[in-house]
Amino acid sequence: MSNDEVMRIREVAALLKVGEKTAYSMAQAGELPAFKVRGQWRFSRKDIDMWIEQQKHATQEFGEDSHQ
């Protein structure tokens, strides 16, 4: 899968190991970087990869703060 590939909701859900409804809700709420094409959610693989990295760092920072 190339880094500039456009993904569908099913592919993003599988990548994140969440249900399609969860991925859909996250996209609708603006929690995932997404855009619509003719009313259907689409995701840039590059944007999703960056989002995953941001989530890892946010989780690590939160974990460090909670130990103080």
PDB file of N, CA and C in Angstrom:
ATOM      1  N   MET A   1       0.857  -1.175   0.000  1.00  0.00           N
ATOM      2  CA  MET A   1       0.000   0.000   0.000  1.00  0.00           C
ATOM      3  C   MET A   1       0.902   1.236   0.000  1.00  0.00           C
ATOM      4  N   SER A   2       0.790   2.069  -1.005  1.00  0.00           N
ATOM      5  CA  SER A   2       1.646   3.245  -1.097  1.00  0.00           C
ATOM      6  C   SER A   2       1.201   4.298  -0.090  1.00  0.00           C
ATOM      7  N   ASN A   3       2.132   5.189   0.229  1.00  0.00           N
ATOM      8  CA  ASN A   3       1.891   6.201   1.252  1.00  0.00           C
ATOM      9  C   ASN A   3       0.882   7.259   0.819  1.00  0.00           C
ATOM     10  N   ASP A   4       0.664   7.425  -0.502  1.00  0.00           N
ATOM     11  CA  ASP A   4      -0.271   8.446  -0.973  1.00  0.00           C
ATOM     12  C   ASP A   4      -1.608   7.845  -1.405  1.00  0.00           C
ATOM     13  N   GLU A   5      -1.830   6.607  -1.040  1.00  0.00           N
ATOM     14  CA  GLU A   5      -3.065   5.923  -1.416  1.00  0.00           C
ATOM     15  C   GLU A   5      -4.270   6.512  -0.686  1.00  0.00           C
ATOM     16  N   VAL A   6      -5.400   6.510  -1.371  1.00  0.00           N
ATOM     17  CA  VAL A   6      -6.664   6.926  -0.758  1.00  0.00           C
ATOM     18  C   VAL A   6      -7.381   5.663  -0.292  1.00  0.00           C
ATOM     19  N   MET A   7      -7.796   5.668   0.966  1.00  0.00           N
ATOM     20  CA  MET A   7      -8.395   4.491   1.582  1.00  0.00           C
ATOM     21  C   MET A   7      -9.877   4.709   1.839  1.00  0.00           C
ATOM     22  N   ARG A   8     -10.609   3.605   1.892  1.00  0.00           N
ATOM     23  CA  ARG A   8     -12.027   3.614   2.249  1.00  0.00           C
ATOM     24  C   ARG A   8     -12.171   3.342   3.744  1.00  0.00           C
ATOM     25  N   ILE A   9     -13.369   3.551   4.241  1.00  0.00           N
ATOM     26  CA  ILE A   9     -13.639   3.381   5.670  1.00  0.00           C
ATOM     27  C   ILE A   9     -13.290   1.965   6.144  1.00  0.00           C
ATOM     28  N   ARG A  10     -13.601   0.964   5.335  1.00  0.00           N
ATOM     29  CA  ARG A  10     -13.318  -0.430   5.703  1.00  0.00           C
ATOM     30  C   ARG A  10     -11.819  -0.651   5.898  1.00  0.00           C
ATOM     31  N   GLU A  11     -11.016  -0.063   5.015  1.00  0.00           N
ATOM     32  CA  GLU A  11      -9.564  -0.232   5.094  1.00  0.00           C
ATOM     33  C   GLU A  11      -8.988   0.477   6.316  1.00  0.00           C
ATOM     34  N   VAL A  12      -9.495   1.666   6.603  1.00  0.00           N
ATOM     35  CA  VAL A  12      -9.028   2.407   7.776  1.00  0.00           C
ATOM     36  C   VAL A  12      -9.428   1.672   9.051  1.00  0.00           C
ATOM     37  N   ALA A  13     -10.639   1.174   9.100  1.00  0.00           N
ATOM     38  CA  ALA A  13     -11.096   0.417  10.271  1.00  0.00           C
ATOM     39  C   ALA A  13     -10.207  -0.801  10.495  1.00  0.00           C
ATOM     40  N   ALA A  14      -9.871  -1.512   9.431  1.00  0.00           N
ATOM     41  CA  ALA A  14      -9.007  -2.688   9.554  1.00  0.00           C
ATOM     42  C   ALA A  14      -7.615  -2.284  10.031  1.00  0.00           C
ATOM     43  N   LEU A  15      -7.091  -1.201   9.491  1.00  0.00           N
ATOM     44  CA  LEU A  15      -5.765  -0.724   9.885  1.00  0.00           C
ATOM     45  C   LEU A  15      -5.731  -0.354  11.364  1.00  0.00           C
ATOM     46  N   LEU A  16      -6.776   0.307  11.836  1.00  0.00           N
ATOM     47  CA  LEU A  16      -6.838   0.747  13.232  1.00  0.00           C
ATOM     48  C   LEU A  16      -7.369  -0.333  14.173  1.00  0.00           C
ATOM     49  N   LYS A  17      -7.811  -1.439  13.594  1.00  0.00           N
ATOM     50  CA  LYS A  17      -8.375  -2.553  14.372  1.00  0.00           C
ATOM     51  C   LYS A  17      -9.584  -2.093  15.194  1.00  0.00           C
ATOM     52  N   VAL A  18     -10.461  -1.346  14.520  1.00  0.00           N
ATOM     53  CA  VAL A  18     -11.728  -0.918  15.117  1.00  0.00           C
ATOM     54  C   VAL A  18     -12.840  -1.278  14.141  1.00  0.00           C
ATOM     55  N   GLY A  19     -14.061  -1.229  14.597  1.00  0.00           N
ATOM     56  CA  GLY A  19     -15.187  -1.500  13.720  1.00  0.00           C
ATOM     57  C   GLY A  19     -15.402  -0.366  12.731  1.00  0.00           C
ATOM     58  N   GLU A  20     -16.090  -0.678  11.647  1.00  0.00           N
ATOM     59  CA  GLU A  20     -16.381   0.342  10.637  1.00  0.00           C
ATOM     60  C   GLU A  20     -17.229   1.467  11.223  1.00  0.00           C
ATOM     61  N   LYS A  21     -18.167   1.131  12.099  1.00  0.00           N
ATOM     62  CA  LYS A  21     -19.008   2.162  12.720  1.00  0.00           C
ATOM     63  C   LYS A  21     -18.166   3.105  13.573  1.00  0.00           C
ATOM     64  N   THR A  22     -17.181   2.561  14.270  1.00  0.00           N
ATOM     65  CA  THR A  22     -16.288   3.391  15.082  1.00  0.00           C
ATOM     66  C   THR A  22     -15.481   4.326  14.198  1.00  0.00           C
ATOM     67  N   ALA A  23     -14.915   3.802  13.124  1.00  0.00           N
ATOM     68  CA  ALA A  23     -14.134   4.631  12.198  1.00  0.00           C
ATOM     69  C   ALA A  23     -15.015   5.720  11.588  1.00  0.00           C
ATOM     70  N   TYR A  24     -16.235   5.361  11.230  1.00  0.00           N
ATOM     71  CA  TYR A  24     -17.183   6.320  10.664  1.00  0.00           C
ATOM     72  C   TYR A  24     -17.479   7.431  11.672  1.00  0.00           C
ATOM     73  N   SER A  25     -17.740   7.053  12.909  1.00  0.00           N
ATOM     74  CA  SER A  25     -18.030   8.036  13.961  1.00  0.00           C
ATOM     75  C   SER A  25     -16.839   8.957  14.200  1.00  0.00           C
ATOM     76  N   MET A  26     -15.646   8.387  14.189  1.00  0.00           N
ATOM     77  CA  MET A  26     -14.437   9.184  14.388  1.00  0.00           C
ATOM     78  C   MET A  26     -14.245  10.180  13.247  1.00  0.00           C
ATOM     79  N   ALA A  27     -14.521   9.746  12.021  1.00  0.00           N
ATOM     80  CA  ALA A  27     -14.402  10.642  10.866  1.00  0.00           C
ATOM     81  C   ALA A  27     -15.430  11.764  10.970  1.00  0.00           C
ATOM     82  N   GLN A  28     -16.664  11.404  11.303  1.00  0.00           N
ATOM     83  CA  GLN A  28     -17.729  12.409  11.420  1.00  0.00           C
ATOM     84  C   GLN A  28     -17.436  13.430  12.503  1.00  0.00           C
ATOM     85  N   ALA A  29     -16.832  12.981  13.586  1.00  0.00           N
ATOM     86  CA  ALA A  29     -16.529  13.862  14.712  1.00  0.00           C
ATOM     87  C   ALA A  29     -15.262  14.687  14.480  1.00  0.00           C
ATOM     88  N   GLY A  30     -14.562  14.425  13.380  1.00  0.00           N
ATOM     89  CA  GLY A  30     -13.328  15.148  13.099  1.00  0.00           C
ATOM     90  C   GLY A  30     -12.129  14.601  13.846  1.00  0.00           C
ATOM     91  N   GLU A  31     -12.257  13.403  14.407  1.00  0.00           N
ATOM     92  CA  GLU A  31     -11.160  12.790  15.153  1.00  0.00           C
ATOM     93  C   GLU A  31     -10.139  12.140  14.229  1.00  0.00           C
ATOM     94  N   LEU A  32     -10.546  11.792  13.030  1.00  0.00           N
ATOM     95  CA  LEU A  32      -9.649  11.226  12.018  1.00  0.00           C
ATOM     96  C   LEU A  32      -9.559  12.195  10.850  1.00  0.00           C
ATOM     97  N   PRO A  33      -8.369  12.328  10.247  1.00  0.00           N
ATOM     98  CA  PRO A  33      -8.262  13.164   9.050  1.00  0.00           C
ATOM     99  C   PRO A  33      -8.969  12.478   7.884  1.00  0.00           C
ATOM    100  N   ALA A  34      -9.991  13.114   7.352  1.00  0.00           N
ATOM    101  CA  ALA A  34     -10.803  12.484   6.309  1.00  0.00           C
ATOM    102  C   ALA A  34     -11.439  13.541   5.422  1.00  0.00           C
ATOM    103  N   PHE A  35     -11.930  13.095   4.285  1.00  0.00           N
ATOM    104  CA  PHE A  35     -12.667  13.970   3.375  1.00  0.00           C
ATOM    105  C   PHE A  35     -13.732  13.127   2.697  1.00  0.00           C
ATOM    106  N   LYS A  36     -14.698  13.788   2.106  1.00  0.00           N
ATOM    107  CA  LYS A  36     -15.786  13.065   1.453  1.00  0.00           C
ATOM    108  C   LYS A  36     -15.698  13.202  -0.060  1.00  0.00           C
ATOM    109  N   VAL A  37     -16.007  12.112  -0.734  1.00  0.00           N
ATOM    110  CA  VAL A  37     -16.146  12.083  -2.187  1.00  0.00           C
ATOM    111  C   VAL A  37     -17.544  11.558  -2.467  1.00  0.00           C
ATOM    112  N   ARG A  38     -18.386  12.423  -3.032  1.00  0.00           N
ATOM    113  CA  ARG A  38     -19.780  12.058  -3.315  1.00  0.00           C
ATOM    114  C   ARG A  38     -20.472  11.448  -2.098  1.00  0.00           C
ATOM    115  N   GLY A  39     -20.216  12.042  -0.947  1.00  0.00           N
ATOM    116  CA  GLY A  39     -20.886  11.621   0.276  1.00  0.00           C
ATOM    117  C   GLY A  39     -20.267  10.434   0.990  1.00  0.00           C
ATOM    118  N   GLN A  40     -19.166   9.900   0.466  1.00  0.00           N
ATOM    119  CA  GLN A  40     -18.514   8.758   1.110  1.00  0.00           C
ATOM    120  C   GLN A  40     -17.155   9.180   1.662  1.00  0.00           C
ATOM    121  N   TRP A  41     -16.859   8.717   2.878  1.00  0.00           N
ATOM    122  CA  TRP A  41     -15.603   9.074   3.525  1.00  0.00           C
ATOM    123  C   TRP A  41     -14.426   8.440   2.811  1.00  0.00           C
ATOM    124  N   ARG A  42     -13.366   9.230   2.679  1.00  0.00           N
ATOM    125  CA  ARG A  42     -12.096   8.761   2.132  1.00  0.00           C
ATOM    126  C   ARG A  42     -10.983   9.281   3.033  1.00  0.00           C
ATOM    127  N   PHE A  43      -9.868   8.562   3.031  1.00  0.00           N
ATOM    128  CA  PHE A  43      -8.755   8.860   3.920  1.00  0.00           C
ATOM    129  C   PHE A  43      -7.449   8.748   3.149  1.00  0.00           C
ATOM    130  N   SER A  44      -6.567   9.696   3.362  1.00  0.00           N
ATOM    131  CA  SER A  44      -5.228   9.626   2.791  1.00  0.00           C
ATOM    132  C   SER A  44      -4.384   8.733   3.694  1.00  0.00           C
ATOM    133  N   ARG A  45      -3.726   7.733   3.119  1.00  0.00           N
ATOM    134  CA  ARG A  45      -2.891   6.834   3.918  1.00  0.00           C
ATOM    135  C   ARG A  45      -1.811   7.629   4.645  1.00  0.00           C
ATOM    136  N   LYS A  46      -1.245   8.620   3.970  1.00  0.00           N
ATOM    137  CA  LYS A  46      -0.208   9.450   4.579  1.00  0.00           C
ATOM    138  C   LYS A  46      -0.762  10.175   5.804  1.00  0.00           C
ATOM    139  N   ASP A  47      -1.952  10.748   5.679  1.00  0.00           N
ATOM    140  CA  ASP A  47      -2.567  11.455   6.807  1.00  0.00           C
ATOM    141  C   ASP A  47      -2.896  10.510   7.954  1.00  0.00           C
ATOM    142  N   ILE A  48      -3.373   9.317   7.629  1.00  0.00           N
ATOM    143  CA  ILE A  48      -3.691   8.334   8.674  1.00  0.00           C
ATOM    144  C   ILE A  48      -2.418   7.884   9.382  1.00  0.00           C
ATOM    145  N   ASP A  49      -1.351   7.639   8.624  1.00  0.00           N
ATOM    146  CA  ASP A  49      -0.072   7.259   9.240  1.00  0.00           C
ATOM    147  C   ASP A  49       0.427   8.350  10.185  1.00  0.00           C
ATOM    148  N   MET A  50       0.319   9.610   9.754  1.00  0.00           N
ATOM    149  CA  MET A  50       0.739  10.728  10.608  1.00  0.00           C
ATOM    150  C   MET A  50      -0.144  10.813  11.850  1.00  0.00           C
ATOM    151  N   TRP A  51      -1.450  10.597  11.685  1.00  0.00           N
ATOM    152  CA  TRP A  51      -2.381  10.630  12.807  1.00  0.00           C
ATOM    153  C   TRP A  51      -2.021   9.543  13.828  1.00  0.00           C
ATOM    154  N   ILE A  52      -1.696   8.353  13.336  1.00  0.00           N
ATOM    155  CA  ILE A  52      -1.309   7.252  14.229  1.00  0.00           C
ATOM    156  C   ILE A  52      -0.077   7.645  15.040  1.00  0.00           C
ATOM    157  N   GLU A  53       0.925   8.217  14.387  1.00  0.00           N
ATOM    158  CA  GLU A  53       2.138   8.643  15.090  1.00  0.00           C
ATOM    159  C   GLU A  53       1.816   9.701  16.144  1.00  0.00           C
ATOM    160  N   GLN A  54       0.946  10.642  15.816  1.00  0.00           N
ATOM    161  CA  GLN A  54       0.549  11.670  16.781  1.00  0.00           C
ATOM    162  C   GLN A  54      -0.144  11.037  17.987  1.00  0.00           C
ATOM    163  N   GLN A  55      -0.973  10.035  17.746  1.00  0.00           N
ATOM    164  CA  GLN A  55      -1.676   9.365  18.844  1.00  0.00           C
ATOM    165  C   GLN A  55      -0.691   8.638  19.746  1.00  0.00           C
ATOM    166  N   LYS A  56       0.327   8.025  19.153  1.00  0.00           N
ATOM    167  CA  LYS A  56       1.352   7.334  19.948  1.00  0.00           C
ATOM    168  C   LYS A  56       2.059   8.318  20.863  1.00  0.00           C
ATOM    169  N   HIS A  57       2.453   9.472  20.305  1.00  0.00           N
ATOM    170  CA  HIS A  57       3.171  10.468  21.095  1.00  0.00           C
ATOM    171  C   HIS A  57       2.276  11.064  22.173  1.00  0.00           C
ATOM    172  N   ALA A  58       1.026  11.317  21.858  1.00  0.00           N
ATOM    173  CA  ALA A  58       0.089  11.865  22.840  1.00  0.00           C
ATOM    174  C   ALA A  58      -0.110  10.881  23.985  1.00  0.00           C
ATOM    175  N   THR A  59      -0.197   9.605  23.663  1.00  0.00           N
ATOM    176  CA  THR A  59      -0.377   8.569  24.684  1.00  0.00           C
ATOM    177  C   THR A  59       0.863   8.459  25.556  1.00  0.00           C
ATOM    178  N   GLN A  60       2.045   8.511  24.931  1.00  0.00           N
ATOM    179  CA  GLN A  60       3.290   8.425  25.691  1.00  0.00           C
ATOM    180  C   GLN A  60       3.439   9.625  26.614  1.00  0.00           C
ATOM    181  N   GLU A  61       3.129  10.828  26.110  1.00  0.00           N
ATOM    182  CA  GLU A  61       3.229  12.023  26.934  1.00  0.00           C
ATOM    183  C   GLU A  61       2.244  11.964  28.096  1.00  0.00           C
ATOM    184  N   PHE A  62       1.026  11.510  27.830  1.00  0.00           N
ATOM    185  CA  PHE A  62       0.023  11.398  28.879  1.00  0.00           C
ATOM    186  C   PHE A  62       0.495  10.401  29.929  1.00  0.00           C
ATOM    187  N   GLY A  63       1.054   9.289  29.499  1.00  0.00           N
ATOM    188  CA  GLY A  63       1.548   8.272  30.417  1.00  0.00           C
ATOM    189  C   GLY A  63       2.655   8.796  31.302  1.00  0.00           C
ATOM    190  N   GLU A  64       3.550   9.610  30.739  1.00  0.00           N
ATOM    191  CA  GLU A  64       4.635  10.185  31.522  1.00  0.00           C
ATOM    192  C   GLU A  64       4.093  11.160  32.553  1.00  0.00           C
ATOM    193  N   ASP A  65       3.115  11.980  32.166  1.00  0.00           N
ATOM    194  CA  ASP A  65       2.534  12.958  33.083  1.00  0.00           C
ATOM    195  C   ASP A  65       1.803  12.287  34.236  1.00  0.00           C
ATOM    196  N   SER A  66       1.189  11.152  33.983  1.00  0.00           N
ATOM    197  CA  SER A  66       0.387  10.499  35.017  1.00  0.00           C
ATOM    198  C   SER A  66       1.245   9.851  36.096  1.00  0.00           C
ATOM    199  N   HIS A  67       2.557   9.699  35.837  1.00  0.00           N
ATOM    200  CA  HIS A  67       3.435   9.078  36.827  1.00  0.00           C
ATOM    201  C   HIS A  67       4.010  10.096  37.800  1.00  0.00           C
ATOM    202  N   GLN A  68       3.770  11.370  37.571  1.00  0.00           N
ATOM    203  CA  GLN A  68       4.351  12.405  38.435  1.00  0.00           C
ATOM    204  C   GLN A  68       3.525  12.621  39.669  1.00  0.00           C
TER     205      GLN A  68
END
